[in-house]
């Protein structure tokens, strides 16, 4: 019985995360394409990045500049 409850909880959790990911990506894309004129994309972008982070996907930080190799 506990395994069934855990499975159902995990299943619905993943479904909700996937739906939020699809919805936020769609709304953000529509906003950038000009289909949604009066929308602030900041909230939707934060939902998208938070959902991607829950899957372990994050933005790489390019602020760390690599030192050029030293000539021999």
PDB file of N, CA and C in Angstrom:
ATOM      1  N   UNK A   1       0.824  -1.195   0.000  1.00  0.00           N
ATOM      2  CA  UNK A   1       0.000   0.000   0.000  1.00  0.00           C
ATOM      3  C   UNK A   1       0.871   1.263   0.000  1.00  0.00           C
ATOM      4  N   UNK A   2       1.939   1.261   0.783  1.00  0.00           N
ATOM      5  CA  UNK A   2       2.822   2.431   0.857  1.00  0.00           C
ATOM      6  C   UNK A   2       3.560   2.623  -0.471  1.00  0.00           C
ATOM      7  N   UNK A   3       3.950   1.507  -1.111  1.00  0.00           N
ATOM      8  CA  UNK A   3       4.638   1.617  -2.410  1.00  0.00           C
ATOM      9  C   UNK A   3       3.726   2.254  -3.446  1.00  0.00           C
ATOM     10  N   UNK A   4       2.446   1.913  -3.406  1.00  0.00           N
ATOM     11  CA  UNK A   4       1.487   2.479  -4.353  1.00  0.00           C
ATOM     12  C   UNK A   4       1.319   3.974  -4.115  1.00  0.00           C
ATOM     13  N   UNK A   5       1.245   4.378  -2.848  1.00  0.00           N
ATOM     14  CA  UNK A   5       1.110   5.804  -2.538  1.00  0.00           C
ATOM     15  C   UNK A   5       2.353   6.570  -2.971  1.00  0.00           C
ATOM     16  N   UNK A   6       3.535   6.001  -2.715  1.00  0.00           N
ATOM     17  CA  UNK A   6       4.772   6.666  -3.128  1.00  0.00           C
ATOM     18  C   UNK A   6       4.852   6.774  -4.649  1.00  0.00           C
ATOM     19  N   UNK A   7       4.466   5.696  -5.337  1.00  0.00           N
ATOM     20  CA  UNK A   7       4.496   5.726  -6.792  1.00  0.00           C
ATOM     21  C   UNK A   7       3.549   6.790  -7.333  1.00  0.00           C
ATOM     22  N   UNK A   8       2.331   6.833  -6.820  1.00  0.00           N
ATOM     23  CA  UNK A   8       1.348   7.810  -7.300  1.00  0.00           C
ATOM     24  C   UNK A   8       1.805   9.235  -6.996  1.00  0.00           C
ATOM     25  N   UNK A   9       2.389   9.449  -5.821  1.00  0.00           N
ATOM     26  CA  UNK A   9       2.884  10.783  -5.461  1.00  0.00           C
ATOM     27  C   UNK A   9       3.999  11.203  -6.405  1.00  0.00           C
ATOM     28  N   UNK A  10       4.964  10.322  -6.636  1.00  0.00           N
ATOM     29  CA  UNK A  10       6.070  10.638  -7.539  1.00  0.00           C
ATOM     30  C   UNK A  10       5.583  10.826  -8.976  1.00  0.00           C
ATOM     31  N   UNK A  11       4.627  10.012  -9.398  1.00  0.00           N
ATOM     32  CA  UNK A  11       4.086  10.119 -10.746  1.00  0.00           C
ATOM     33  C   UNK A  11       3.422  11.478 -10.958  1.00  0.00           C
ATOM     34  N   UNK A  12       2.554  11.880 -10.039  1.00  0.00           N
ATOM     35  CA  UNK A  12       1.858  13.158 -10.195  1.00  0.00           C
ATOM     36  C   UNK A  12       2.807  14.346 -10.031  1.00  0.00           C
ATOM     37  N   UNK A  13       3.820  14.186  -9.204  1.00  0.00           N
ATOM     38  CA  UNK A  13       4.817  15.243  -9.065  1.00  0.00           C
ATOM     39  C   UNK A  13       5.536  15.473 -10.395  1.00  0.00           C
ATOM     40  N   UNK A  14       5.935  14.395 -11.044  1.00  0.00           N
ATOM     41  CA  UNK A  14       6.625  14.524 -12.330  1.00  0.00           C
ATOM     42  C   UNK A  14       5.700  15.060 -13.418  1.00  0.00           C
ATOM     43  N   UNK A  15       4.436  14.660 -13.397  1.00  0.00           N
ATOM     44  CA  UNK A  15       3.465  15.170 -14.379  1.00  0.00           C
ATOM     45  C   UNK A  15       3.290  16.674 -14.218  1.00  0.00           C
ATOM     46  N   UNK A  16       3.148  17.135 -12.985  1.00  0.00           N
ATOM     47  CA  UNK A  16       2.967  18.573 -12.741  1.00  0.00           C
ATOM     48  C   UNK A  16       4.210  19.338 -13.163  1.00  0.00           C
ATOM     49  N   UNK A  17       5.391  18.832 -12.837  1.00  0.00           N
ATOM     50  CA  UNK A  17       6.624  19.512 -13.242  1.00  0.00           C
ATOM     51  C   UNK A  17       6.734  19.580 -14.761  1.00  0.00           C
ATOM     52  N   UNK A  18       6.381  18.501 -15.448  1.00  0.00           N
ATOM     53  CA  UNK A  18       6.448  18.494 -16.906  1.00  0.00           C
ATOM     54  C   UNK A  18       5.441  19.475 -17.508  1.00  0.00           C
ATOM     55  N   UNK A  19       4.242  19.534 -16.938  1.00  0.00           N
ATOM     56  CA  UNK A  19       3.230  20.473 -17.446  1.00  0.00           C
ATOM     57  C   UNK A  19       3.659  21.919 -17.233  1.00  0.00           C
ATOM     58  N   UNK A  20       4.245  22.217 -16.081  1.00  0.00           N
ATOM     59  CA  UNK A  20       4.737  23.582 -15.822  1.00  0.00           C
ATOM     60  C   UNK A  20       5.863  23.914 -16.790  1.00  0.00           C
ATOM     61  N   UNK A  21       6.733  22.946 -17.059  1.00  0.00           N
ATOM     62  CA  UNK A  21       7.828  23.167 -17.997  1.00  0.00           C
ATOM     63  C   UNK A  21       7.304  23.462 -19.401  1.00  0.00           C
ATOM     64  N   UNK A  22       6.365  22.668 -19.865  1.00  0.00           N
ATOM     65  CA  UNK A  22       5.800  22.860 -21.207  1.00  0.00           C
ATOM     66  C   UNK A  22       5.038  24.178 -21.292  1.00  0.00           C
ATOM     67  N   UNK A  23       4.222  24.472 -20.280  1.00  0.00           N
ATOM     68  CA  UNK A  23       3.438  25.709 -20.289  1.00  0.00           C
ATOM     69  C   UNK A  23       4.348  26.930 -20.275  1.00  0.00           C
ATOM     70  N   UNK A  24       5.332  26.952 -19.363  1.00  0.00           N
ATOM     71  CA  UNK A  24       6.181  28.131 -19.255  1.00  0.00           C
ATOM     72  C   UNK A  24       7.034  28.319 -20.507  1.00  0.00           C
ATOM     73  N   UNK A  25       7.518  27.230 -21.094  1.00  0.00           N
ATOM     74  CA  UNK A  25       8.289  27.353 -22.340  1.00  0.00           C
ATOM     75  C   UNK A  25       7.410  27.872 -23.468  1.00  0.00           C
ATOM     76  N   UNK A  26       6.171  27.408 -23.529  1.00  0.00           N
ATOM     77  CA  UNK A  26       5.256  27.877 -24.569  1.00  0.00           C
ATOM     78  C   UNK A  26       4.886  29.340 -24.420  1.00  0.00           C
ATOM     79  N   UNK A  27       4.581  29.749 -23.203  1.00  0.00           N
ATOM     80  CA  UNK A  27       4.208  31.149 -22.959  1.00  0.00           C
ATOM     81  C   UNK A  27       5.396  32.071 -23.206  1.00  0.00           C
ATOM     82  N   UNK A  28       6.576  31.659 -22.766  1.00  0.00           N
ATOM     83  CA  UNK A  28       7.759  32.486 -22.977  1.00  0.00           C
ATOM     84  C   UNK A  28       8.084  32.597 -24.463  1.00  0.00           C
ATOM     85  N   UNK A  29       7.948  31.512 -25.193  1.00  0.00           N
ATOM     86  CA  UNK A  29       8.178  31.541 -26.640  1.00  0.00           C
ATOM     87  C   UNK A  29       7.159  32.443 -27.338  1.00  0.00           C
ATOM     88  N   UNK A  30       5.888  32.324 -26.943  1.00  0.00           N
ATOM     89  CA  UNK A  30       4.848  33.176 -27.540  1.00  0.00           C
ATOM     90  C   UNK A  30       5.111  34.644 -27.233  1.00  0.00           C
ATOM     91  N   UNK A  31       5.619  34.922 -26.040  1.00  0.00           N
ATOM     92  CA  UNK A  31       5.932  36.304 -25.680  1.00  0.00           C
ATOM     93  C   UNK A  31       7.059  36.847 -26.545  1.00  0.00           C
ATOM     94  N   UNK A  32       8.109  36.054 -26.746  1.00  0.00           N
ATOM     95  CA  UNK A  32       9.235  36.506 -27.556  1.00  0.00           C
ATOM     96  C   UNK A  32       8.884  36.625 -29.032  1.00  0.00           C
ATOM     97  N   UNK A  33       7.899  35.851 -29.474  1.00  0.00           N
ATOM     98  CA  UNK A  33       7.469  35.927 -30.870  1.00  0.00           C
ATOM     99  C   UNK A  33       6.516  37.091 -31.109  1.00  0.00           C
ATOM    100  N   UNK A  34       6.076  37.757 -30.047  1.00  0.00           N
ATOM    101  CA  UNK A  34       5.195  38.899 -30.185  1.00  0.00           C
ATOM    102  C   UNK A  34       3.726  38.559 -30.141  1.00  0.00           C
ATOM    103  N   UNK A  35       3.370  37.339 -29.836  1.00  0.00           N
ATOM    104  CA  UNK A  35       1.966  36.941 -29.771  1.00  0.00           C
ATOM    105  C   UNK A  35       1.279  37.457 -28.505  1.00  0.00           C
ATOM    106  N   UNK A  36       2.038  37.643 -27.459  1.00  0.00           N
ATOM    107  CA  UNK A  36       1.511  38.180 -26.202  1.00  0.00           C
ATOM    108  C   UNK A  36       2.145  39.550 -25.979  1.00  0.00           C
ATOM    109  N   UNK A  37       1.388  40.582 -26.250  1.00  0.00           N
ATOM    110  CA  UNK A  37       1.945  41.933 -26.232  1.00  0.00           C
ATOM    111  C   UNK A  37       2.188  42.469 -24.822  1.00  0.00           C
ATOM    112  N   UNK A  38       1.232  42.291 -23.926  1.00  0.00           N
ATOM    113  CA  UNK A  38       1.328  42.921 -22.607  1.00  0.00           C
ATOM    114  C   UNK A  38       1.594  41.878 -21.535  1.00  0.00           C
ATOM    115  N   UNK A  39       2.767  41.270 -21.607  1.00  0.00           N
ATOM    116  CA  UNK A  39       3.122  40.275 -20.616  1.00  0.00           C
ATOM    117  C   UNK A  39       4.557  40.500 -20.168  1.00  0.00           C
ATOM    118  N   UNK A  40       4.760  40.457 -18.865  1.00  0.00           N
ATOM    119  CA  UNK A  40       6.104  40.548 -18.320  1.00  0.00           C
ATOM    120  C   UNK A  40       6.669  39.131 -18.248  1.00  0.00           C
ATOM    121  N   UNK A  41       7.685  38.818 -19.018  1.00  0.00           N
ATOM    122  CA  UNK A  41       8.177  37.434 -19.065  1.00  0.00           C
ATOM    123  C   UNK A  41       9.030  37.028 -17.865  1.00  0.00           C
ATOM    124  N   UNK A  42       9.252  37.925 -16.929  1.00  0.00           N
ATOM    125  CA  UNK A  42      10.138  37.618 -15.810  1.00  0.00           C
ATOM    126  C   UNK A  42       9.616  36.473 -14.961  1.00  0.00           C
ATOM    127  N   UNK A  43       8.340  36.503 -14.612  1.00  0.00           N
ATOM    128  CA  UNK A  43       7.766  35.451 -13.775  1.00  0.00           C
ATOM    129  C   UNK A  43       7.796  34.104 -14.487  1.00  0.00           C
ATOM    130  N   UNK A  44       7.431  34.099 -15.757  1.00  0.00           N
ATOM    131  CA  UNK A  44       7.405  32.860 -16.527  1.00  0.00           C
ATOM    132  C   UNK A  44       8.823  32.321 -16.687  1.00  0.00           C
ATOM    133  N   UNK A  45       9.794  33.199 -16.898  1.00  0.00           N
ATOM    134  CA  UNK A  45      11.184  32.763 -17.028  1.00  0.00           C
ATOM    135  C   UNK A  45      11.695  32.166 -15.720  1.00  0.00           C
ATOM    136  N   UNK A  46      11.263  32.722 -14.586  1.00  0.00           N
ATOM    137  CA  UNK A  46      11.692  32.159 -13.307  1.00  0.00           C
ATOM    138  C   UNK A  46      11.057  30.786 -13.077  1.00  0.00           C
ATOM    139  N   UNK A  47       9.810  30.601 -13.509  1.00  0.00           N
ATOM    140  CA  UNK A  47       9.191  29.271 -13.430  1.00  0.00           C
ATOM    141  C   UNK A  47       9.936  28.272 -14.311  1.00  0.00           C
ATOM    142  N   UNK A  48      10.291  28.706 -15.495  1.00  0.00           N
ATOM    143  CA  UNK A  48      11.007  27.831 -16.416  1.00  0.00           C
ATOM    144  C   UNK A  48      12.366  27.434 -15.850  1.00  0.00           C
ATOM    145  N   UNK A  49      13.114  28.394 -15.346  1.00  0.00           N
ATOM    146  CA  UNK A  49      14.438  28.068 -14.809  1.00  0.00           C
ATOM    147  C   UNK A  49      14.337  27.232 -13.534  1.00  0.00           C
ATOM    148  N   UNK A  50      13.318  27.483 -12.707  1.00  0.00           N
ATOM    149  CA  UNK A  50      13.132  26.669 -11.507  1.00  0.00           C
ATOM    150  C   UNK A  50      12.756  25.238 -11.831  1.00  0.00           C
ATOM    151  N   UNK A  51      11.921  25.057 -12.833  1.00  0.00           N
ATOM    152  CA  UNK A  51      11.528  23.707 -13.243  1.00  0.00           C
ATOM    153  C   UNK A  51      12.710  22.971 -13.860  1.00  0.00           C
ATOM    154  N   UNK A  52      13.478  23.665 -14.675  1.00  0.00           N
ATOM    155  CA  UNK A  52      14.662  23.033 -15.249  1.00  0.00           C
ATOM    156  C   UNK A  52      15.667  22.669 -14.159  1.00  0.00           C
ATOM    157  N   UNK A  53      15.797  23.508 -13.146  1.00  0.00           N
ATOM    158  CA  UNK A  53      16.708  23.206 -12.039  1.00  0.00           C
ATOM    159  C   UNK A  53      16.244  21.980 -11.263  1.00  0.00           C
ATOM    160  N   UNK A  54      14.938  21.767 -11.172  1.00  0.00           N
ATOM    161  CA  UNK A  54      14.451  20.586 -10.462  1.00  0.00           C
ATOM    162  C   UNK A  54      14.799  19.303 -11.212  1.00  0.00           C
ATOM    163  N   UNK A  55      15.042  19.416 -12.523  1.00  0.00           N
ATOM    164  CA  UNK A  55      15.501  18.277 -13.311  1.00  0.00           C
ATOM    165  C   UNK A  55      17.026  18.193 -13.350  1.00  0.00           C
ATOM    166  N   UNK A  56      17.708  19.135 -12.705  1.00  0.00           N
ATOM    167  CA  UNK A  56      19.166  19.120 -12.673  1.00  0.00           C
ATOM    168  C   UNK A  56      19.819  19.848 -13.824  1.00  0.00           C
ATOM    169  N   UNK A  57      19.044  20.640 -14.566  1.00  0.00           N
ATOM    170  CA  UNK A  57      19.578  21.397 -15.699  1.00  0.00           C
ATOM    171  C   UNK A  57      19.760  22.836 -15.254  1.00  0.00           C
ATOM    172  N   UNK A  58      20.970  23.365 -15.406  1.00  0.00           N
ATOM    173  CA  UNK A  58      21.213  24.746 -15.000  1.00  0.00           C
ATOM    174  C   UNK A  58      22.088  25.442 -16.029  1.00  0.00           C
ATOM    175  N   UNK A  59      22.115  26.732 -15.937  1.00  0.00           N
ATOM    176  CA  UNK A  59      22.887  27.564 -16.858  1.00  0.00           C
ATOM    177  C   UNK A  59      24.348  27.530 -16.443  1.00  0.00           C
ATOM    178  N   UNK A  60      25.229  27.432 -17.428  1.00  0.00           N
ATOM    179  CA  UNK A  60      26.653  27.455 -17.121  1.00  0.00           C
ATOM    180  C   UNK A  60      27.089  28.892 -16.902  1.00  0.00           C
ATOM    181  N   UNK A  61      27.992  29.090 -15.964  1.00  0.00           N
ATOM    182  CA  UNK A  61      28.491  30.423 -15.659  1.00  0.00           C
ATOM    183  C   UNK A  61      29.724  30.702 -16.511  1.00  0.00           C
ATOM    184  N   UNK A  62      29.618  31.691 -17.388  1.00  0.00           N
ATOM    185  CA  UNK A  62      30.738  32.042 -18.262  1.00  0.00           C
ATOM    186  C   UNK A  62      31.580  33.177 -17.692  1.00  0.00           C
ATOM    187  N   UNK A  63      31.290  33.591 -16.465  1.00  0.00           N
ATOM    188  CA  UNK A  63      32.018  34.722 -15.906  1.00  0.00           C
ATOM    189  C   UNK A  63      33.448  34.356 -15.528  1.00  0.00           C
ATOM    190  N   UNK A  64      33.710  33.090 -15.328  1.00  0.00           N
ATOM    191  CA  UNK A  64      35.069  32.658 -15.010  1.00  0.00           C
ATOM    192  C   UNK A  64      35.854  32.569 -16.307  1.00  0.00           C
ATOM    193  N   UNK A  65      36.731  33.512 -16.489  1.00  0.00           N
ATOM    194  CA  UNK A  65      37.511  33.535 -17.720  1.00  0.00           C
ATOM    195  C   UNK A  65      38.723  32.637 -17.551  1.00  0.00           C
ATOM    196  N   UNK A  66      38.954  31.864 -18.559  1.00  0.00           N
ATOM    197  CA  UNK A  66      40.090  30.970 -18.528  1.00  0.00           C
ATOM    198  C   UNK A  66      41.347  31.742 -18.882  1.00  0.00           C
ATOM    199  N   UNK A  67      42.429  31.419 -18.173  1.00  0.00           N
ATOM    200  CA  UNK A  67      43.708  32.041 -18.495  1.00  0.00           C
ATOM    201  C   UNK A  67      44.230  31.453 -19.788  1.00  0.00           C
ATOM    202  N   UNK A  68      44.790  32.287 -20.644  1.00  0.00           N
ATOM    203  CA  UNK A  68      45.351  31.743 -21.880  1.00  0.00           C
ATOM    204  C   UNK A  68      46.540  30.846 -21.541  1.00  0.00           C
ATOM    205  N   UNK A  69      46.757  29.833 -22.360  1.00  0.00           N
ATOM    206  CA  UNK A  69      47.899  28.956 -22.078  1.00  0.00           C
ATOM    207  C   UNK A  69      49.207  29.715 -22.208  1.00  0.00           C
ATOM    208  N   UNK A  70      50.131  29.373 -21.324  1.00  0.00           N
ATOM    209  CA  UNK A  70      51.441  30.034 -21.347  1.00  0.00           C
ATOM    210  C   UNK A  70      52.304  29.411 -22.408  1.00  0.00           C
ATOM    211  N   UNK A  71      52.993  30.269 -23.176  1.00  0.00           N
ATOM    212  CA  UNK A  71      53.888  29.716 -24.213  1.00  0.00           C
ATOM    213  C   UNK A  71      55.057  28.985 -23.558  1.00  0.00           C
ATOM    214  N   UNK A  72      55.536  27.968 -24.235  1.00  0.00           N
ATOM    215  CA  UNK A  72      56.664  27.186 -23.713  1.00  0.00           C
ATOM    216  C   UNK A  72      57.976  27.787 -24.078  1.00  0.00           C
TER     217      UNK A  72
END
